[in-house]
Amino acid sequence: MNKSFTLYGCSDGIEEKTVMPELTIEFLMELYNKKDFKNLVASGQQFVKSNSASAMAWNLLALGYRYSGDVPAALKVYEDLLKLNPGHFLLSTNLGNLYMAIGQVNKAIECFEAAREKQPDHAPNLEALAIAYQDVGKSSEAMKTFKKVLEIDGSKESSRYHLGRMLVRFESYKEAIEHFEKTDFGLSKSHQLECFYYLGDKENFYKNYKSLIESEKINPLMSSIGSHASVRYGVSNKENPFCSSPLAHIKEYHLDEKSGMNETLIDSILDFYRSGGADGKSQPLLSNGKQSSGNLFLQQREDIQTLKAIIEKKISEYLTHFKNSNEGFIKYWPKKYTLYGWLVAMQSGGKLGAHIHKEGWLSGSLYFKMPEKRKKDEGNIVFSLDGANYPTDGKKYPAESKKVNKGDLVMFPSSLFHHTIPFESQEERVSFAFDVIPSR
């Protein structure tokens, strides 16, 4: 890789025809489009041996590395290419996307901003930049950038969806409803349902809730709202298609050395995080604490992959335990999913407000460090049907406090609200949270 070159195209694709006796760019593109990343890596490595100046080949090889799980190799390709072609639009965008995935958000922002300098009206890059701004707490910049994307391309449903979610956060429910009405992207209709619920529009709430149930698009968000509404409005929750009895589907485990958990593993992962392995993520619900960005499971480190294997085994045990459950999240367990993990570290007085994992399916929390309890329940995790500042109408909502110690693992439906109780100890409270996220 010792030559500079000219790139053409956008996002992950570049049109270039470089024919070899046995391998062609078209063949590599075909492997990429088929998501045959293992063969893409093998073929791409062979191709660049004779075509080291081919931009397309290096780009496809990097994508093959990334999606086959070899993130370090993908990073090296992009970083080396950018040294030769500083500030190049396509390379900056692709490297930024990769940085985002592994939680290095500040580096991602630098890449997206560099790409914006080259192509200020490129909607996909601007959207990626807006999402990165969100992650670091730059809400004003994020909202302006999402609006800019929609000015450029009003059909960009993903940006409309993200903008709608930001409007919900700022309690602009009526404006958010208008955006969610125009898109079916992601959980847009469930977020629209949430807006009607916040506004107390019971008629439109149940009209849309029934429509979601009939569409069979089950997800934790609509389920969580349905469970809350069953208490608020005094109606049955049996129709809830994701999980009608989430409190009954909490499962606790204790992981010891027999499970593969030990001090060496925990210390190794914490050392990686504290040395800057992942940036902090803006988390408005978190007080006196920090949350890591990106998916830590994308790190191809032995310690993190060992932890992943331990958790995957426990997920299998969870499914076996609830195999006779008729709840939707068990019956319709995703055939393919991604395991997404992050760290949450709290100091004295730290707490995390009530929330759900709306993008997940099954969620869990594994405790790496727990402070000594000076008062009953402090530092515990609390599960409830109430949260997100939903109107309660003065009703009492079911809740359960779980005492957790170092090495404990708690798994639960992603639709279940949970929060932590503040603690006074000067010791740190560190948990490794994770979600099973269906592949869409």
Protein backbone atom coordinates (compact mmCIF):
# COMPACT_ATOMS: atom_id res chain seq x y z
CA MET A 1 0.00 0.00 0.00
CA ASN A 2 2.53 2.55 -1.15
CA LYS A 3 0.62 4.56 -3.73
CA SER A 4 -2.01 7.28 -3.55
CA PHE A 5 -5.06 6.85 -5.72
CA THR A 6 -8.38 8.37 -6.73
CA LEU A 7 -11.60 7.01 -5.26
CA TYR A 8 -15.01 7.19 -6.89
CA GLY A 9 -18.47 6.52 -5.47
CA CYS A 10 -20.00 6.84 -2.04
CA SER A 11 -20.60 4.99 1.21
CA ASP A 12 -19.35 1.39 1.00
CA GLY A 13 -19.24 1.17 -2.77
CA ILE A 14 -16.93 2.48 -5.48
CA GLU A 15 -17.22 1.75 -9.15
CA GLU A 16 -13.91 0.59 -10.56
CA LYS A 17 -13.08 -2.18 -12.99
CA THR A 18 -9.80 -3.97 -12.43
CA VAL A 19 -9.76 -7.37 -14.10
CA MET A 20 -7.47 -10.19 -13.10
CA PRO A 21 -7.18 -13.61 -14.69
CA GLU A 22 -8.97 -15.25 -11.74
CA LEU A 23 -10.30 -12.48 -9.50
CA THR A 24 -12.17 -9.30 -10.38
CA ILE A 25 -13.52 -6.32 -8.49
CA GLU A 26 -16.98 -7.41 -9.62
CA PHE A 27 -16.42 -10.76 -7.93
CA LEU A 28 -15.34 -9.07 -4.69
CA MET A 29 -18.41 -6.83 -4.87
CA GLU A 30 -20.58 -9.91 -5.35
CA LEU A 31 -19.10 -11.49 -2.20
CA TYR A 32 -19.75 -8.26 -0.28
CA ASN A 33 -23.37 -8.03 -1.48
CA LYS A 34 -23.91 -11.68 -0.52
CA LYS A 35 -22.40 -10.94 2.91
CA ASP A 36 -19.88 -13.72 2.33
CA PHE A 37 -17.28 -11.85 4.36
CA LYS A 38 -15.00 -14.78 5.08
CA ASN A 39 -14.43 -15.41 1.38
CA LEU A 40 -14.28 -11.68 0.73
CA VAL A 41 -11.29 -11.43 3.07
CA ALA A 42 -9.50 -14.38 1.46
CA SER A 43 -10.17 -13.17 -2.08
CA GLY A 44 -9.44 -9.54 -1.22
CA GLN A 45 -6.08 -10.45 0.31
CA GLN A 46 -5.16 -12.35 -2.85
CA PHE A 47 -6.35 -9.53 -5.09
CA VAL A 48 -4.36 -6.71 -3.47
CA LYS A 49 -1.12 -8.67 -3.78
CA SER A 50 -1.17 -7.84 -7.49
CA ASN A 51 -3.28 -4.66 -7.29
CA SER A 52 -1.93 -2.73 -4.32
CA ALA A 53 -3.07 0.62 -5.75
CA SER A 54 -6.70 -0.47 -6.19
CA ALA A 55 -8.84 1.69 -3.92
CA MET A 56 -11.87 -0.50 -4.39
CA ALA A 57 -10.02 -3.64 -3.41
CA TRP A 58 -8.64 -2.16 -0.19
CA ASN A 59 -12.03 -0.73 0.72
CA LEU A 60 -13.76 -4.06 0.18
CA LEU A 61 -11.03 -5.91 2.05
CA ALA A 62 -11.47 -3.56 5.02
CA LEU A 63 -15.24 -4.12 4.95
CA GLY A 64 -14.62 -7.86 4.83
CA TYR A 65 -12.38 -7.62 7.87
CA ARG A 66 -14.92 -5.52 9.73
CA TYR A 67 -17.96 -7.69 9.16
CA SER A 68 -16.11 -10.97 9.68
CA GLY A 69 -15.08 -9.69 13.12
CA ASP A 70 -11.44 -8.70 12.55
CA VAL A 71 -11.88 -5.08 13.58
CA PRO A 72 -8.14 -4.38 14.21
CA ALA A 73 -7.30 -5.41 10.64
CA ALA A 74 -10.07 -3.20 9.24
CA LEU A 75 -8.86 -0.26 11.30
CA LYS A 76 -5.29 -0.70 10.05
CA VAL A 77 -6.38 -0.71 6.41
CA TYR A 78 -8.42 2.48 6.75
CA GLU A 79 -5.87 4.28 8.90
CA ASP A 80 -3.05 3.41 6.47
CA LEU A 81 -5.14 4.55 3.51
CA LEU A 82 -5.95 7.87 5.16
CA LYS A 83 -2.26 8.51 5.85
CA LEU A 84 -1.75 8.36 2.10
CA ASN A 85 -4.95 10.28 1.32
CA PRO A 86 -5.63 12.56 4.32
CA GLY A 87 -9.17 13.84 4.66
CA HIS A 88 -10.52 11.72 1.81
CA PHE A 89 -14.32 11.63 1.93
CA LEU A 90 -15.09 7.92 1.50
CA LEU A 91 -12.26 6.69 3.68
CA SER A 92 -13.12 9.20 6.41
CA THR A 93 -16.76 8.12 6.41
CA ASN A 94 -16.04 4.40 6.51
CA LEU A 95 -13.43 4.75 9.22
CA GLY A 96 -15.83 6.94 11.19
CA ASN A 97 -18.50 4.23 11.00
CA LEU A 98 -15.98 1.71 12.28
CA TYR A 99 -14.89 3.95 15.14
CA MET A 100 -18.55 4.40 16.11
CA ALA A 101 -19.12 0.65 16.22
CA ILE A 102 -16.25 0.09 18.67
CA GLY A 103 -17.09 3.09 20.86
CA GLN A 104 -14.39 5.56 19.82
CA VAL A 105 -16.95 8.28 19.20
CA ASN A 106 -14.67 11.31 19.34
CA LYS A 107 -12.46 9.84 16.61
CA ALA A 108 -15.60 9.06 14.63
CA ILE A 109 -16.73 12.67 14.86
CA GLU A 110 -13.35 13.84 13.55
CA CYS A 111 -13.75 11.52 10.56
CA PHE A 112 -17.34 12.56 9.81
CA GLU A 113 -16.48 16.25 10.13
CA ALA A 114 -13.51 15.79 7.80
CA ALA A 115 -15.79 14.09 5.28
CA ARG A 116 -18.32 16.93 5.63
CA GLU A 117 -15.60 19.39 4.63
CA LYS A 118 -15.26 17.52 1.34
CA GLN A 119 -18.96 16.86 0.71
CA PRO A 120 -21.12 19.10 2.95
CA ASP A 121 -24.43 17.83 1.54
CA HIS A 122 -23.81 14.10 1.70
CA ALA A 123 -26.83 12.88 3.67
CA PRO A 124 -25.52 9.49 4.96
CA ASN A 125 -22.36 11.08 6.36
CA LEU A 126 -24.35 13.90 7.98
CA GLU A 127 -26.71 11.39 9.58
CA ALA A 128 -23.77 9.43 10.97
CA LEU A 129 -22.34 12.68 12.35
CA ALA A 130 -25.67 13.57 13.98
CA ILE A 131 -25.85 10.17 15.69
CA ALA A 132 -22.29 10.64 16.96
CA TYR A 133 -23.20 14.09 18.29
CA GLN A 134 -26.06 12.45 20.19
CA ASP A 135 -23.70 9.94 21.76
CA VAL A 136 -21.46 12.64 23.22
CA GLY A 137 -24.36 14.79 24.44
CA LYS A 138 -24.28 17.49 21.74
CA SER A 139 -28.06 17.49 21.40
CA SER A 140 -28.38 20.88 19.72
CA GLU A 141 -25.82 20.00 17.05
CA ALA A 142 -27.44 16.61 16.54
CA MET A 143 -30.91 18.04 16.02
CA LYS A 144 -29.64 20.70 13.59
CA THR A 145 -27.77 18.05 11.62
CA PHE A 146 -30.76 15.69 11.41
CA LYS A 147 -32.86 18.60 10.13
CA LYS A 148 -30.15 19.40 7.57
CA VAL A 149 -30.30 15.80 6.33
CA LEU A 150 -34.06 16.07 5.83
CA GLU A 151 -33.61 19.35 3.96
CA ILE A 152 -31.27 17.55 1.58
CA ASP A 153 -33.32 14.36 1.35
CA GLY A 154 -36.82 14.40 2.79
CA SER A 155 -37.17 10.67 2.12
CA LYS A 156 -34.36 9.80 4.57
CA GLU A 157 -36.57 7.88 6.98
CA SER A 158 -33.82 6.97 9.43
CA SER A 159 -33.02 10.64 10.07
CA ARG A 160 -36.71 11.43 10.48
CA TYR A 161 -36.89 8.61 13.01
CA HIS A 162 -33.88 9.85 15.00
CA LEU A 163 -35.21 13.42 14.93
CA GLY A 164 -38.56 12.19 16.21
CA ARG A 165 -36.86 10.42 19.11
CA MET A 166 -35.01 13.60 20.02
CA LEU A 167 -38.28 15.55 19.97
CA VAL A 168 -39.75 13.01 22.42
CA ARG A 169 -36.78 13.60 24.72
CA PHE A 170 -37.55 17.34 24.63
CA GLU A 171 -41.28 16.63 25.22
CA SER A 172 -42.33 17.98 21.81
CA TYR A 173 -44.78 15.11 21.46
CA LYS A 174 -47.12 16.54 18.82
CA GLU A 175 -44.24 17.42 16.49
CA ALA A 176 -42.72 13.99 17.07
CA ILE A 177 -46.03 12.31 16.17
CA GLU A 178 -45.96 14.07 12.78
CA HIS A 179 -42.51 12.71 12.02
CA PHE A 180 -43.32 9.16 13.17
CA GLU A 181 -46.47 9.24 11.03
CA LYS A 182 -44.29 9.68 7.93
CA THR A 183 -42.04 6.66 8.49
CA ASP A 184 -42.09 2.97 9.37
CA PHE A 185 -38.38 2.97 10.15
CA GLY A 186 -37.27 1.14 13.31
CA LEU A 187 -39.65 1.50 16.24
CA SER A 188 -41.33 4.63 14.82
CA LYS A 189 -44.89 3.44 15.37
CA SER A 190 -44.11 2.36 18.94
CA HIS A 191 -42.58 5.79 19.62
CA GLN A 192 -45.70 7.37 18.14
CA LEU A 193 -47.75 5.20 20.52
CA GLU A 194 -45.59 6.52 23.36
CA CYS A 195 -46.34 10.11 22.36
CA PHE A 196 -50.09 9.51 22.49
CA TYR A 197 -49.56 7.95 25.91
CA TYR A 198 -47.63 10.94 27.23
CA LEU A 199 -50.38 13.25 25.95
CA GLY A 200 -53.08 11.20 27.69
CA ASP A 201 -54.83 10.59 24.35
CA LYS A 202 -56.38 7.30 25.43
CA GLU A 203 -58.46 6.85 22.27
CA ASN A 204 -55.54 7.17 19.85
CA PHE A 205 -53.30 5.23 22.21
CA TYR A 206 -55.48 2.10 22.17
CA LYS A 207 -56.24 2.49 18.46
CA ASN A 208 -52.53 2.43 17.67
CA TYR A 209 -51.73 -0.23 20.29
CA LYS A 210 -54.30 -2.57 18.71
CA SER A 211 -52.83 -1.85 15.28
CA LEU A 212 -49.33 -2.75 16.49
CA ILE A 213 -50.55 -6.01 18.01
CA GLU A 214 -52.31 -6.94 14.77
CA SER A 215 -49.22 -6.13 12.72
CA GLU A 216 -47.23 -8.64 14.85
CA LYS A 217 -44.35 -6.17 15.07
CA ILE A 218 -43.62 -6.93 18.69
CA ASN A 219 -40.88 -5.07 20.52
CA PRO A 220 -39.94 -4.08 24.08
CA LEU A 221 -41.10 -0.46 23.78
CA MET A 222 -44.71 -1.13 22.87
CA SER A 223 -44.78 -3.93 25.45
CA SER A 224 -43.46 -1.68 28.20
CA ILE A 225 -46.08 0.98 27.44
CA GLY A 226 -48.80 -1.68 27.35
CA SER A 227 -47.79 -3.01 30.78
CA HIS A 228 -47.77 0.50 32.22
CA ALA A 229 -51.17 1.27 30.68
CA SER A 230 -52.65 -1.89 32.20
CA VAL A 231 -52.04 -0.38 35.64
CA ARG A 232 -52.77 3.24 34.74
CA TYR A 233 -56.09 2.44 33.06
CA GLY A 234 -56.95 -0.67 35.10
CA VAL A 235 -57.18 -3.07 32.16
CA SER A 236 -55.84 -6.57 31.45
CA ASN A 237 -52.32 -6.98 30.14
CA LYS A 238 -52.96 -10.43 28.63
CA GLU A 239 -52.93 -9.12 25.06
CA ASN A 240 -49.38 -7.79 25.49
CA PRO A 241 -47.61 -9.69 22.68
CA PHE A 242 -43.98 -9.34 23.82
CA CYS A 243 -44.22 -10.05 27.55
CA SER A 244 -47.35 -9.73 29.67
CA SER A 245 -45.61 -10.81 32.92
CA PRO A 246 -42.09 -9.35 32.77
CA LEU A 247 -41.46 -9.48 36.53
CA ALA A 248 -41.99 -13.25 36.43
CA HIS A 249 -39.23 -13.58 33.82
CA ILE A 250 -36.32 -12.22 35.84
CA LYS A 251 -33.62 -14.85 36.32
CA GLU A 252 -30.61 -14.54 38.65
CA TYR A 253 -27.30 -16.41 38.47
CA HIS A 254 -24.01 -16.25 40.31
CA LEU A 255 -20.86 -16.63 38.22
CA ASP A 256 -17.75 -17.99 39.89
CA GLU A 257 -14.48 -19.50 38.68
CA LYS A 258 -16.31 -22.64 37.55
CA SER A 259 -18.26 -20.40 35.17
CA GLY A 260 -15.04 -18.87 33.87
CA MET A 261 -15.33 -15.63 35.86
CA ASN A 262 -12.32 -14.59 37.91
CA GLU A 263 -10.47 -11.48 39.11
CA THR A 264 -7.95 -11.66 36.28
CA LEU A 265 -10.69 -11.52 33.64
CA ILE A 266 -12.51 -8.65 35.34
CA ASP A 267 -9.34 -6.63 35.93
CA SER A 268 -8.21 -7.13 32.34
CA ILE A 269 -11.48 -5.80 30.91
CA LEU A 270 -11.55 -2.86 33.33
CA ASP A 271 -7.92 -1.99 32.52
CA PHE A 272 -8.80 -1.92 28.82
CA TYR A 273 -11.77 0.37 29.44
CA ARG A 274 -9.90 2.74 31.76
CA SER A 275 -6.98 3.01 29.35
CA GLY A 276 -9.28 4.56 26.75
CA GLY A 277 -10.44 1.43 24.94
CA ALA A 278 -13.87 3.03 24.52
CA ASP A 279 -15.11 6.59 24.90
CA GLY A 280 -17.78 7.62 27.35
CA LYS A 281 -21.38 7.82 26.13
CA SER A 282 -23.77 10.61 27.07
CA GLN A 283 -26.36 9.09 29.39
CA PRO A 284 -28.83 11.64 30.85
CA LEU A 285 -30.25 9.07 33.29
CA LEU A 286 -26.84 8.33 34.84
CA SER A 287 -25.62 10.34 37.86
CA ASN A 288 -22.05 10.20 39.20
CA GLY A 289 -21.03 7.62 36.67
CA LYS A 290 -19.83 6.83 33.16
CA GLN A 291 -21.08 4.52 30.43
CA SER A 292 -18.95 3.18 27.59
CA SER A 293 -19.87 3.79 23.95
CA GLY A 294 -20.19 1.27 21.18
CA ASN A 295 -20.35 -2.50 21.38
CA LEU A 296 -17.51 -3.86 23.48
CA PHE A 297 -18.09 -7.33 22.05
CA LEU A 298 -16.66 -6.10 18.75
CA GLN A 299 -13.26 -5.90 20.41
CA GLN A 300 -11.32 -8.99 19.36
CA ARG A 301 -9.58 -9.28 22.70
CA GLU A 302 -9.29 -12.62 24.44
CA ASP A 303 -10.76 -11.29 27.68
CA ILE A 304 -13.86 -9.81 26.03
CA GLN A 305 -14.44 -12.84 23.82
CA THR A 306 -14.11 -15.08 26.91
CA LEU A 307 -16.76 -12.98 28.64
CA LYS A 308 -18.97 -13.20 25.56
CA ALA A 309 -18.80 -17.01 25.61
CA ILE A 310 -19.70 -17.07 29.33
CA ILE A 311 -22.73 -14.84 28.73
CA GLU A 312 -23.89 -16.79 25.67
CA LYS A 313 -23.91 -19.96 27.75
CA LYS A 314 -26.07 -18.28 30.39
CA ILE A 315 -28.47 -17.02 27.71
CA SER A 316 -28.93 -20.63 26.61
CA GLU A 317 -29.62 -21.62 30.22
CA TYR A 318 -32.17 -18.81 30.50
CA LEU A 319 -34.01 -20.03 27.41
CA THR A 320 -34.02 -23.59 28.73
CA HIS A 321 -35.43 -22.39 32.06
CA PHE A 322 -38.32 -20.55 30.35
CA LYS A 323 -38.81 -22.96 27.44
CA ASN A 324 -42.46 -23.58 28.40
CA SER A 325 -43.31 -19.89 28.60
CA ASN A 326 -45.97 -18.59 26.22
CA GLU A 327 -44.58 -15.06 26.24
CA GLY A 328 -43.82 -13.64 22.81
CA PHE A 329 -40.16 -12.87 23.48
CA ILE A 330 -39.59 -16.59 24.19
CA LYS A 331 -41.91 -18.03 21.52
CA TYR A 332 -40.53 -15.75 18.82
CA TRP A 333 -36.92 -15.77 19.92
CA PRO A 334 -34.87 -14.23 17.06
CA LYS A 335 -33.20 -16.73 14.73
CA LYS A 336 -30.26 -14.36 14.39
CA TYR A 337 -29.13 -11.74 16.84
CA THR A 338 -26.24 -9.55 17.88
CA LEU A 339 -24.90 -9.47 21.41
CA TYR A 340 -24.27 -5.84 22.39
CA GLY A 341 -22.33 -5.02 25.56
CA TRP A 342 -21.19 -1.96 27.51
CA LEU A 343 -19.82 -0.97 30.92
CA VAL A 344 -21.45 1.27 33.53
CA ALA A 345 -19.20 2.54 36.34
CA MET A 346 -20.63 4.58 39.24
CA GLN A 347 -19.00 6.48 42.08
CA SER A 348 -20.43 7.37 45.51
CA GLY A 349 -23.99 8.67 45.13
CA GLY A 350 -24.23 7.13 41.67
CA LYS A 351 -27.54 6.00 40.28
CA LEU A 352 -29.21 5.14 36.99
CA GLY A 353 -32.80 6.24 36.39
CA ALA A 354 -35.61 3.91 35.33
CA HIS A 355 -35.37 2.84 31.69
CA ILE A 356 -35.85 -0.06 29.31
CA HIS A 357 -33.68 -1.37 26.48
CA LYS A 358 -36.07 -0.69 23.63
CA GLU A 359 -33.75 -1.99 20.91
CA GLY A 360 -33.11 -5.26 22.74
CA TRP A 361 -34.97 -8.51 23.32
CA LEU A 362 -33.36 -10.02 26.40
CA SER A 363 -31.17 -7.85 28.65
CA GLY A 364 -28.71 -8.58 31.40
CA SER A 365 -26.43 -7.03 33.97
CA LEU A 366 -23.28 -8.70 35.31
CA TYR A 367 -21.65 -7.16 38.37
CA PHE A 368 -17.87 -6.68 38.27
CA LYS A 369 -17.61 -4.56 41.43
CA MET A 370 -20.14 -3.80 44.16
CA PRO A 371 -19.67 -1.31 47.01
CA GLU A 372 -20.21 -2.30 50.62
CA LYS A 373 -23.78 -1.61 51.68
CA ARG A 374 -24.15 0.96 54.46
CA LYS A 375 -27.92 1.03 54.19
CA LYS A 376 -30.45 -1.59 53.22
CA ASP A 377 -30.93 -1.94 49.45
CA GLU A 378 -28.38 0.71 48.44
CA GLY A 379 -26.68 -0.19 45.17
CA ASN A 380 -29.42 -2.70 44.35
CA ILE A 381 -31.22 -2.96 41.03
CA VAL A 382 -34.98 -2.36 41.08
CA PHE A 383 -37.38 -3.72 38.46
CA SER A 384 -40.76 -2.07 37.91
CA LEU A 385 -43.61 -1.53 35.47
CA ASP A 386 -43.17 2.22 35.91
CA GLY A 387 -40.58 4.53 34.37
CA ALA A 388 -39.73 7.03 31.61
CA ASN A 389 -41.81 9.67 33.43
CA TYR A 390 -45.00 8.11 32.09
CA PRO A 391 -48.12 9.62 33.73
CA THR A 392 -49.08 7.40 36.67
CA ASP A 393 -52.49 8.90 37.51
CA GLY A 394 -51.61 8.24 41.15
CA LYS A 395 -51.59 4.46 40.72
CA LYS A 396 -49.14 2.11 42.45
CA TYR A 397 -47.01 0.04 40.08
CA PRO A 398 -45.53 -3.41 40.87
CA ALA A 399 -41.80 -3.38 41.63
CA GLU A 400 -39.09 -5.73 42.91
CA SER A 401 -35.70 -4.85 44.41
CA LYS A 402 -32.91 -7.35 43.77
CA LYS A 403 -29.88 -7.54 46.03
CA VAL A 404 -26.85 -7.95 43.80
CA ASN A 405 -23.27 -8.82 44.72
CA LYS A 406 -20.03 -9.13 42.80
CA GLY A 407 -20.29 -11.97 40.29
CA ASP A 408 -24.08 -11.90 40.13
CA LEU A 409 -25.82 -11.91 36.77
CA VAL A 410 -29.44 -10.83 36.32
CA MET A 411 -31.32 -11.37 33.04
CA PHE A 412 -34.77 -10.05 32.17
CA PRO A 413 -37.05 -9.11 29.24
CA SER A 414 -35.84 -5.90 27.62
CA SER A 415 -39.31 -4.39 28.13
CA LEU A 416 -38.91 -4.26 31.92
CA PHE A 417 -38.10 -0.93 33.55
CA HIS A 418 -35.12 -1.00 35.90
CA HIS A 419 -33.16 1.51 37.94
CA THR A 420 -30.50 1.51 40.64
CA ILE A 421 -30.60 2.72 44.22
CA PRO A 422 -27.90 5.31 45.14
CA PHE A 423 -25.10 4.21 47.46
CA GLU A 424 -22.89 6.10 49.93
CA SER A 425 -19.74 3.99 49.89
CA GLN A 426 -16.58 5.43 48.31
CA GLU A 427 -16.08 2.10 46.52
CA GLU A 428 -16.91 1.83 42.82
CA ARG A 429 -19.95 0.04 41.45
CA VAL A 430 -19.24 -1.48 38.01
CA SER A 431 -21.61 -3.55 35.92
CA PHE A 432 -21.34 -5.04 32.44
CA ALA A 433 -24.70 -4.66 30.71
CA PHE A 434 -25.74 -6.42 27.54
CA ASP A 435 -28.63 -6.89 25.14
CA VAL A 436 -29.64 -9.61 22.75
CA ILE A 437 -30.59 -7.51 19.68
CA PRO A 438 -32.50 -9.19 16.83
CA SER A 439 -30.82 -8.99 13.43
CA ARG A 440 -33.15 -7.10 11.13
